Amino acid sequence: MGIDRTSSKSLQQQIYDGYRLAIVNHSLRAGQRIPSTRTLATDLGISRIPVLNAYAQLLAEGYFESRVGAGTCV
């Protein structure tokens, strides 16, 4: 996953779109774990807030599932 700092889309929207597209295209499969919000934010070199917001939106829409102690999965 990458982000484009020159894009008119917000960081949150870019993260959301990237994961959603990967899920719809079956690049990410059901049950596959995704990086923690801290790990992804560090890897992308951004604040954790946009990552948290994108993950929350994906959880609310049913693309992600979060389990205590098991992390977040597709």
PDB file of N, CA and C in Angstrom:
ATOM      1  N   MET A   1       0.844  -1.171   0.000  1.00  0.00           N
ATOM      2  CA  MET A   1       0.000   0.000   0.000  1.00  0.00           C
ATOM      3  C   MET A   1       0.886   1.230   0.000  1.00  0.00           C
ATOM      4  N   GLY A   2       0.504   2.158  -0.821  1.00  0.00           N
ATOM      5  CA  GLY A   2       1.234   3.413  -0.881  1.00  0.00           C
ATOM      6  C   GLY A   2       0.269   4.579  -0.839  1.00  0.00           C
ATOM      7  N   ILE A   3       0.815   5.739  -0.542  1.00  0.00           N
ATOM      8  CA  ILE A   3      -0.001   6.948  -0.533  1.00  0.00           C
ATOM      9  C   ILE A   3       0.661   7.994  -1.413  1.00  0.00           C
ATOM     10  N   ASP A   4      -0.149   8.894  -1.898  1.00  0.00           N
ATOM     11  CA  ASP A   4       0.330   9.978  -2.741  1.00  0.00           C
ATOM     12  C   ASP A   4       0.028  11.286  -2.028  1.00  0.00           C
ATOM     13  N   ARG A   5       1.071  11.919  -1.520  1.00  0.00           N
ATOM     14  CA  ARG A   5       0.888  13.160  -0.753  1.00  0.00           C
ATOM     15  C   ARG A   5       0.418  14.323  -1.628  1.00  0.00           C
ATOM     16  N   THR A   6       0.544  14.193  -2.945  1.00  0.00           N
ATOM     17  CA  THR A   6       0.102  15.262  -3.843  1.00  0.00           C
ATOM     18  C   THR A   6      -1.336  15.061  -4.320  1.00  0.00           C
ATOM     19  N   SER A   7      -1.936  13.952  -3.954  1.00  0.00           N
ATOM     20  CA  SER A   7      -3.296  13.649  -4.377  1.00  0.00           C
ATOM     21  C   SER A   7      -4.304  14.585  -3.711  1.00  0.00           C
ATOM     22  N   SER A   8      -5.399  14.818  -4.398  1.00  0.00           N
ATOM     23  CA  SER A   8      -6.469  15.625  -3.815  1.00  0.00           C
ATOM     24  C   SER A   8      -7.267  14.828  -2.788  1.00  0.00           C
ATOM     25  N   LYS A   9      -7.108  13.505  -2.798  1.00  0.00           N
ATOM     26  CA  LYS A   9      -7.784  12.649  -1.823  1.00  0.00           C
ATOM     27  C   LYS A   9      -7.045  12.705  -0.486  1.00  0.00           C
ATOM     28  N   SER A  10      -7.804  12.628   0.590  1.00  0.00           N
ATOM     29  CA  SER A  10      -7.199  12.617   1.927  1.00  0.00           C
ATOM     30  C   SER A  10      -6.430  11.309   2.137  1.00  0.00           C
ATOM     31  N   LEU A  11      -5.532  11.309   3.103  1.00  0.00           N
ATOM     32  CA  LEU A  11      -4.779  10.092   3.425  1.00  0.00           C
ATOM     33  C   LEU A  11      -5.742   8.977   3.826  1.00  0.00           C
ATOM     34  N   GLN A  12      -6.730   9.330   4.634  1.00  0.00           N
ATOM     35  CA  GLN A  12      -7.728   8.350   5.064  1.00  0.00           C
ATOM     36  C   GLN A  12      -8.428   7.723   3.866  1.00  0.00           C
ATOM     37  N   GLN A  13      -8.832   8.539   2.909  1.00  0.00           N
ATOM     38  CA  GLN A  13      -9.539   8.035   1.732  1.00  0.00           C
ATOM     39  C   GLN A  13      -8.631   7.163   0.877  1.00  0.00           C
ATOM     40  N   GLN A  14      -7.361   7.525   0.762  1.00  0.00           N
ATOM     41  CA  GLN A  14      -6.424   6.713  -0.015  1.00  0.00           C
ATOM     42  C   GLN A  14      -6.235   5.334   0.615  1.00  0.00           C
ATOM     43  N   ILE A  15      -6.128   5.295   1.940  1.00  0.00           N
ATOM     44  CA  ILE A  15      -5.964   4.018   2.645  1.00  0.00           C
ATOM     45  C   ILE A  15      -7.225   3.174   2.482  1.00  0.00           C
ATOM     46  N   TYR A  16      -8.373   3.806   2.702  1.00  0.00           N
ATOM     47  CA  TYR A  16      -9.656   3.116   2.547  1.00  0.00           C
ATOM     48  C   TYR A  16      -9.786   2.555   1.131  1.00  0.00           C
ATOM     49  N   ASP A  17      -9.564   3.390   0.132  1.00  0.00           N
ATOM     50  CA  ASP A  17      -9.690   2.965  -1.264  1.00  0.00           C
ATOM     51  C   ASP A  17      -8.727   1.826  -1.593  1.00  0.00           C
ATOM     52  N   GLY A  18      -7.499   1.913  -1.083  1.00  0.00           N
ATOM     53  CA  GLY A  18      -6.504   0.879  -1.357  1.00  0.00           C
ATOM     54  C   GLY A  18      -6.923  -0.477  -0.819  1.00  0.00           C
ATOM     55  N   TYR A  19      -7.389  -0.498   0.429  1.00  0.00           N
ATOM     56  CA  TYR A  19      -7.829  -1.765   1.020  1.00  0.00           C
ATOM     57  C   TYR A  19      -9.101  -2.273   0.358  1.00  0.00           C
ATOM     58  N   ARG A  20     -10.061  -1.381   0.129  1.00  0.00           N
ATOM     59  CA  ARG A  20     -11.314  -1.804  -0.482  1.00  0.00           C
ATOM     60  C   ARG A  20     -11.068  -2.408  -1.859  1.00  0.00           C
ATOM     61  N   LEU A  21     -10.244  -1.751  -2.658  1.00  0.00           N
ATOM     62  CA  LEU A  21      -9.926  -2.257  -3.993  1.00  0.00           C
ATOM     63  C   LEU A  21      -9.229  -3.618  -3.914  1.00  0.00           C
ATOM     64  N   ALA A  22      -8.296  -3.763  -2.977  1.00  0.00           N
ATOM     65  CA  ALA A  22      -7.590  -5.037  -2.821  1.00  0.00           C
ATOM     66  C   ALA A  22      -8.551  -6.163  -2.415  1.00  0.00           C
ATOM     67  N   ILE A  23      -9.536  -5.835  -1.607  1.00  0.00           N
ATOM     68  CA  ILE A  23     -10.517  -6.842  -1.183  1.00  0.00           C
ATOM     69  C   ILE A  23     -11.440  -7.203  -2.343  1.00  0.00           C
ATOM     70  N   VAL A  24     -11.935  -6.204  -3.051  1.00  0.00           N
ATOM     71  CA  VAL A  24     -12.844  -6.438  -4.179  1.00  0.00           C
ATOM     72  C   VAL A  24     -12.148  -7.212  -5.296  1.00  0.00           C
ATOM     73  N   ASN A  25     -10.865  -6.938  -5.505  1.00  0.00           N
ATOM     74  CA  ASN A  25     -10.092  -7.630  -6.548  1.00  0.00           C
ATOM     75  C   ASN A  25      -9.513  -8.957  -6.081  1.00  0.00           C
ATOM     76  N   HIS A  26      -9.815  -9.344  -4.846  1.00  0.00           N
ATOM     77  CA  HIS A  26      -9.357 -10.601  -4.257  1.00  0.00           C
ATOM     78  C   HIS A  26      -7.845 -10.674  -4.072  1.00  0.00           C
ATOM     79  N   SER A  27      -7.193  -9.517  -3.987  1.00  0.00           N
ATOM     80  CA  SER A  27      -5.769  -9.499  -3.640  1.00  0.00           C
ATOM     81  C   SER A  27      -5.615  -9.808  -2.152  1.00  0.00           C
ATOM     82  N   LEU A  28      -6.614  -9.423  -1.384  1.00  0.00           N
ATOM     83  CA  LEU A  28      -6.697  -9.782   0.031  1.00  0.00           C
ATOM     84  C   LEU A  28      -7.885 -10.723   0.173  1.00  0.00           C
ATOM     85  N   ARG A  29      -7.672 -11.821   0.878  1.00  0.00           N
ATOM     86  CA  ARG A  29      -8.723 -12.828   1.007  1.00  0.00           C
ATOM     87  C   ARG A  29      -9.342 -12.806   2.400  1.00  0.00           C
ATOM     88  N   ALA A  30     -10.521 -13.332   2.501  1.00  0.00           N
ATOM     89  CA  ALA A  30     -11.213 -13.426   3.786  1.00  0.00           C
ATOM     90  C   ALA A  30     -10.344 -14.164   4.797  1.00  0.00           C
ATOM     91  N   GLY A  31     -10.248 -13.593   5.988  1.00  0.00           N
ATOM     92  CA  GLY A  31      -9.452 -14.202   7.054  1.00  0.00           C
ATOM     93  C   GLY A  31      -8.005 -13.747   7.081  1.00  0.00           C
ATOM     94  N   GLN A  32      -7.563 -13.080   6.039  1.00  0.00           N
ATOM     95  CA  GLN A  32      -6.174 -12.617   5.977  1.00  0.00           C
ATOM     96  C   GLN A  32      -5.984 -11.458   6.946  1.00  0.00           C
ATOM     97  N   ARG A  33      -4.903 -11.540   7.731  1.00  0.00           N
ATOM     98  CA  ARG A  33      -4.613 -10.470   8.683  1.00  0.00           C
ATOM     99  C   ARG A  33      -4.018  -9.269   7.975  1.00  0.00           C
ATOM    100  N   ILE A  34      -4.329  -8.114   8.524  1.00  0.00           N
ATOM    101  CA  ILE A  34      -3.780  -6.868   7.993  1.00  0.00           C
ATOM    102  C   ILE A  34      -2.910  -6.234   9.071  1.00  0.00           C
ATOM    103  N   PRO A  35      -2.006  -5.342   8.695  1.00  0.00           N
ATOM    104  CA  PRO A  35      -1.114  -4.742   9.694  1.00  0.00           C
ATOM    105  C   PRO A  35      -1.883  -3.918  10.724  1.00  0.00           C
ATOM    106  N   SER A  36      -1.319  -3.820  11.904  1.00  0.00           N
ATOM    107  CA  SER A  36      -1.913  -2.969  12.927  1.00  0.00           C
ATOM    108  C   SER A  36      -1.870  -1.520  12.454  1.00  0.00           C
ATOM    109  N   THR A  37      -2.674  -0.686  13.065  1.00  0.00           N
ATOM    110  CA  THR A  37      -2.705   0.725  12.686  1.00  0.00           C
ATOM    111  C   THR A  37      -1.355   1.375  12.937  1.00  0.00           C
ATOM    112  N   ARG A  38      -0.699   1.013  14.018  1.00  0.00           N
ATOM    113  CA  ARG A  38       0.622   1.579  14.321  1.00  0.00           C
ATOM    114  C   ARG A  38       1.653   1.176  13.284  1.00  0.00           C
ATOM    115  N   THR A  39       1.640  -0.093  12.925  1.00  0.00           N
ATOM    116  CA  THR A  39       2.597  -0.597  11.939  1.00  0.00           C
ATOM    117  C   THR A  39       2.390   0.069  10.585  1.00  0.00           C
ATOM    118  N   LEU A  40       1.141   0.144  10.139  1.00  0.00           N
ATOM    119  CA  LEU A  40       0.871   0.748   8.838  1.00  0.00           C
ATOM    120  C   LEU A  40       1.239   2.227   8.833  1.00  0.00           C
ATOM    121  N   ALA A  41       0.882   2.938   9.886  1.00  0.00           N
ATOM    122  CA  ALA A  41       1.214   4.367   9.971  1.00  0.00           C
ATOM    123  C   ALA A  41       2.727   4.571   9.920  1.00  0.00           C
ATOM    124  N   THR A  42       3.464   3.747  10.629  1.00  0.00           N
ATOM    125  CA  THR A  42       4.926   3.836  10.626  1.00  0.00           C
ATOM    126  C   THR A  42       5.481   3.529   9.237  1.00  0.00           C
ATOM    127  N   ASP A  43       4.972   2.465   8.624  1.00  0.00           N
ATOM    128  CA  ASP A  43       5.436   2.079   7.282  1.00  0.00           C
ATOM    129  C   ASP A  43       5.174   3.176   6.251  1.00  0.00           C
ATOM    130  N   LEU A  44       4.030   3.851   6.390  1.00  0.00           N
ATOM    131  CA  LEU A  44       3.674   4.911   5.438  1.00  0.00           C
ATOM    132  C   LEU A  44       4.280   6.257   5.802  1.00  0.00           C
ATOM    133  N   GLY A  45       4.795   6.372   7.026  1.00  0.00           N
ATOM    134  CA  GLY A  45       5.399   7.622   7.473  1.00  0.00           C
ATOM    135  C   GLY A  45       4.368   8.716   7.718  1.00  0.00           C
ATOM    136  N   ILE A  46       3.200   8.303   8.229  1.00  0.00           N
ATOM    137  CA  ILE A  46       2.122   9.255   8.500  1.00  0.00           C
ATOM    138  C   ILE A  46       1.631   9.096   9.938  1.00  0.00           C
ATOM    139  N   SER A  47       0.759  10.012  10.333  1.00  0.00           N
ATOM    140  CA  SER A  47       0.115   9.937  11.633  1.00  0.00           C
ATOM    141  C   SER A  47      -0.800   8.711  11.674  1.00  0.00           C
ATOM    142  N   ARG A  48      -1.057   8.239  12.865  1.00  0.00           N
ATOM    143  CA  ARG A  48      -1.917   7.074  13.025  1.00  0.00           C
ATOM    144  C   ARG A  48      -3.399   7.413  12.826  1.00  0.00           C
ATOM    145  N   ILE A  49      -3.775   8.671  12.984  1.00  0.00           N
ATOM    146  CA  ILE A  49      -5.179   9.077  12.912  1.00  0.00           C
ATOM    147  C   ILE A  49      -5.848   8.716  11.579  1.00  0.00           C
ATOM    148  N   PRO A  50      -5.253   9.032  10.419  1.00  0.00           N
ATOM    149  CA  PRO A  50      -5.912   8.646   9.157  1.00  0.00           C
ATOM    150  C   PRO A  50      -6.065   7.130   9.016  1.00  0.00           C
ATOM    151  N   VAL A  51      -5.109   6.390   9.540  1.00  0.00           N
ATOM    152  CA  VAL A  51      -5.180   4.932   9.476  1.00  0.00           C
ATOM    153  C   VAL A  51      -6.327   4.438  10.359  1.00  0.00           C
ATOM    154  N   LEU A  52      -6.422   4.970  11.564  1.00  0.00           N
ATOM    155  CA  LEU A  52      -7.518   4.594  12.467  1.00  0.00           C
ATOM    156  C   LEU A  52      -8.869   4.886  11.831  1.00  0.00           C
ATOM    157  N   ASN A  53      -8.994   6.045  11.223  1.00  0.00           N
ATOM    158  CA  ASN A  53     -10.262   6.431  10.601  1.00  0.00           C
ATOM    159  C   ASN A  53     -10.610   5.534   9.407  1.00  0.00           C
ATOM    160  N   ALA A  54      -9.618   5.208   8.595  1.00  0.00           N
ATOM    161  CA  ALA A  54      -9.863   4.327   7.445  1.00  0.00           C
ATOM    162  C   ALA A  54     -10.255   2.934   7.926  1.00  0.00           C
ATOM    163  N   TYR A  55      -9.555   2.406   8.933  1.00  0.00           N
ATOM    164  CA  TYR A  55      -9.874   1.092   9.476  1.00  0.00           C
ATOM    165  C   TYR A  55     -11.287   1.097  10.060  1.00  0.00           C
ATOM    166  N   ALA A  56     -11.652   2.165  10.760  1.00  0.00           N
ATOM    167  CA  ALA A  56     -12.989   2.257  11.359  1.00  0.00           C
ATOM    168  C   ALA A  56     -14.063   2.221  10.272  1.00  0.00           C
ATOM    169  N   GLN A  57     -13.826   2.911   9.176  1.00  0.00           N
ATOM    170  CA  GLN A  57     -14.789   2.920   8.077  1.00  0.00           C
ATOM    171  C   GLN A  57     -14.896   1.529   7.449  1.00  0.00           C
ATOM    172  N   LEU A  58     -13.766   0.873   7.257  1.00  0.00           N
ATOM    173  CA  LEU A  58     -13.771  -0.475   6.682  1.00  0.00           C
ATOM    174  C   LEU A  58     -14.445  -1.477   7.623  1.00  0.00           C
ATOM    175  N   LEU A  59     -14.245  -1.323   8.923  1.00  0.00           N
ATOM    176  CA  LEU A  59     -14.929  -2.169   9.910  1.00  0.00           C
ATOM    177  C   LEU A  59     -16.435  -1.937   9.851  1.00  0.00           C
ATOM    178  N   ALA A  60     -16.849  -0.679   9.812  1.00  0.00           N
ATOM    179  CA  ALA A  60     -18.268  -0.336   9.796  1.00  0.00           C
ATOM    180  C   ALA A  60     -18.973  -0.877   8.552  1.00  0.00           C
ATOM    181  N   GLU A  61     -18.246  -0.935   7.442  1.00  0.00           N
ATOM    182  CA  GLU A  61     -18.835  -1.408   6.190  1.00  0.00           C
ATOM    183  C   GLU A  61     -18.694  -2.915   5.999  1.00  0.00           C
ATOM    184  N   GLY A  62     -18.061  -3.596   6.954  1.00  0.00           N
ATOM    185  CA  GLY A  62     -17.975  -5.049   6.905  1.00  0.00           C
ATOM    186  C   GLY A  62     -16.814  -5.614   6.126  1.00  0.00           C
ATOM    187  N   TYR A  63     -15.900  -4.774   5.677  1.00  0.00           N
ATOM    188  CA  TYR A  63     -14.726  -5.272   4.948  1.00  0.00           C
ATOM    189  C   TYR A  63     -13.696  -5.864   5.901  1.00  0.00           C
ATOM    190  N   PHE A  64     -13.600  -5.314   7.096  1.00  0.00           N
ATOM    191  CA  PHE A  64     -12.666  -5.792   8.110  1.00  0.00           C
ATOM    192  C   PHE A  64     -13.446  -6.370   9.278  1.00  0.00           C
ATOM    193  N   GLU A  65     -12.774  -7.241   9.993  1.00  0.00           N
ATOM    194  CA  GLU A  65     -13.305  -7.806  11.230  1.00  0.00           C
ATOM    195  C   GLU A  65     -12.200  -7.724  12.263  1.00  0.00           C
ATOM    196  N   SER A  66     -12.541  -7.247  13.431  1.00  0.00           N
ATOM    197  CA  SER A  66     -11.540  -7.088  14.478  1.00  0.00           C
ATOM    198  C   SER A  66     -11.882  -7.997  15.647  1.00  0.00           C
ATOM    199  N   ARG A  67     -10.873  -8.746  16.116  1.00  0.00           N
ATOM    200  CA  ARG A  67     -11.050  -9.633  17.260  1.00  0.00           C
ATOM    201  C   ARG A  67      -9.982  -9.325  18.288  1.00  0.00           C
ATOM    202  N   VAL A  68     -10.400  -9.177  19.527  1.00  0.00           N
ATOM    203  CA  VAL A  68      -9.460  -8.898  20.615  1.00  0.00           C
ATOM    204  C   VAL A  68      -8.437 -10.034  20.694  1.00  0.00           C
ATOM    205  N   GLY A  69      -7.178  -9.666  20.663  1.00  0.00           N
ATOM    206  CA  GLY A  69      -6.102 -10.651  20.751  1.00  0.00           C
ATOM    207  C   GLY A  69      -5.749 -11.310  19.439  1.00  0.00           C
ATOM    208  N   ALA A  70      -6.609 -11.164  18.420  1.00  0.00           N
ATOM    209  CA  ALA A  70      -6.339 -11.808  17.136  1.00  0.00           C
ATOM    210  C   ALA A  70      -6.028 -10.789  16.049  1.00  0.00           C
ATOM    211  N   GLY A  71      -6.209  -9.513  16.340  1.00  0.00           N
ATOM    212  CA  GLY A  71      -5.911  -8.480  15.354  1.00  0.00           C
ATOM    213  C   GLY A  71      -7.084  -8.236  14.428  1.00  0.00           C
ATOM    214  N   THR A  72      -6.779  -7.593  13.325  1.00  0.00           N
ATOM    215  CA  THR A  72      -7.799  -7.238  12.333  1.00  0.00           C
ATOM    216  C   THR A  72      -7.608  -8.084  11.078  1.00  0.00           C
ATOM    217  N   CYS A  73      -8.722  -8.603  10.578  1.00  0.00           N
ATOM    218  CA  CYS A  73      -8.688  -9.467   9.401  1.00  0.00           C
ATOM    219  C   CYS A  73      -9.679  -8.976   8.361  1.00  0.00           C
ATOM    220  N   VAL A  74      -9.456  -9.422   7.145  1.00  0.00           N
ATOM    221  CA  VAL A  74     -10.385  -9.127   6.045  1.00  0.00           C
ATOM    222  C   VAL A  74     -11.623  -9.987   6.240  1.00  0.00           C
TER     223      VAL A  74
END
